[in-house]
Amino acid sequence: MSSSGKSPLSRCSPTAVRAVIHAPVMVREVVAVLVTRADGRYVDGTVGDGGHAQAILDATQSSSQLLGLDRDPEALRAAGEALATYGERVHLVQSDFANLADVLPQLGWERVDGILLDLGLRSSALDDAQRGFSFQLDGPLDMRFDPWEGTPARELLRRINPSRLEQLLAAGTTRASPRAIARAILAWRRQERLERTSDLVACLRRGLGRRATPKLLSSVFAAVRMEVNRELAGLDRALATMPEILGTGGILCVLSYQSQEDRRIKQLRRTPFRDPRTGERFRLIPLEKRPQQALPEEVRRNRRARSARLRAFQRVPETPAS
């Protein structure tokens, strides 16, 4: 059962029908680093269709609890059905993970033992033409995680100033000039309307010719989606506040798919923290020097895993030598 706007907290009904869960990325690796206490409290900040959440619950005792957040109401509905048999162990909230510090008091939680963020787009949303996330499907140029909030991509691209457009494209594209892409979009919008995903694809193909490869189209769509949903700003807020929510020894685990996301996550190892409640100084220590990547057999089964990077950090008290 997904949460509604009237009730910020929603528990899964034990009588609901369990849904089929889409394959989560690097699930074994995530569980191996995230689950440190069998009776702990865990947060899946991007619960999606519930795949990682199910694996976490299966790896822990019946006394453990999980809070699942998502901005997408359809994701919460799917997760509520998929996780229904776990009953009172599961709490679902429609919220940006950047607001986790505001959500926890509603549950009476102060600390958690582990937090997972999967920054990728869930497959079922990508495959829904009406959401506008995919360049391969014709549909409204929307791209909002929450279809009731924010500015759709068609409005963003109609109003955005040229310098900001080039800036966001530079962060999200690597195989062609961001300036050339921006010029193609600006030239198109002076003469045509950008209402559908097919309009944006036609615009790029007209302006870039052979350079408008599937990889480039995918990267442009991702860059626009991230701007529509202010994903990097939300990630920055989350990375500044989530370490304080972890208990000592707790784990922050992040799956990223874009270089601009991974750069931010890497900085955690260099950041000193101070707990505002206790005054304790602490750090986040990376569990591996390099990010983990999906094994070849998983990539063959699930193409979403090919660009995934998994980084995990543990909260430890600061010592004079650290």
Foldseek 3Di string as FASTA:
>chain_A
DFDDPVDQKDWAALPAAADDADADFPLVVCLVFADPAQLWEEEEQDCFLNNSVVSNPVSHDLNYAYEYEHQARVRRVNNSRNCRNSTPRYMYGHDHSLCVVVVQVVVPAQAGQEYEYEPDDDPVLQPDQQCQLALVHKYWQALERYSVDFGGLQVCLLPPDLVVQLVLLVQQDDQDRSNLLSVLSVVCSVPHGDTISPSSLVSCCVRPPPSSDNVRSNSSSVSSSCVRHVVVVSLVSNLQPVVLRHDAFGKYKYKDQGPVSVVVVVCQQVDWDANPVPRFIKGWAKPDPFWDAGDPVVCVVPVVRHRITMIMTGIHTDDPVD
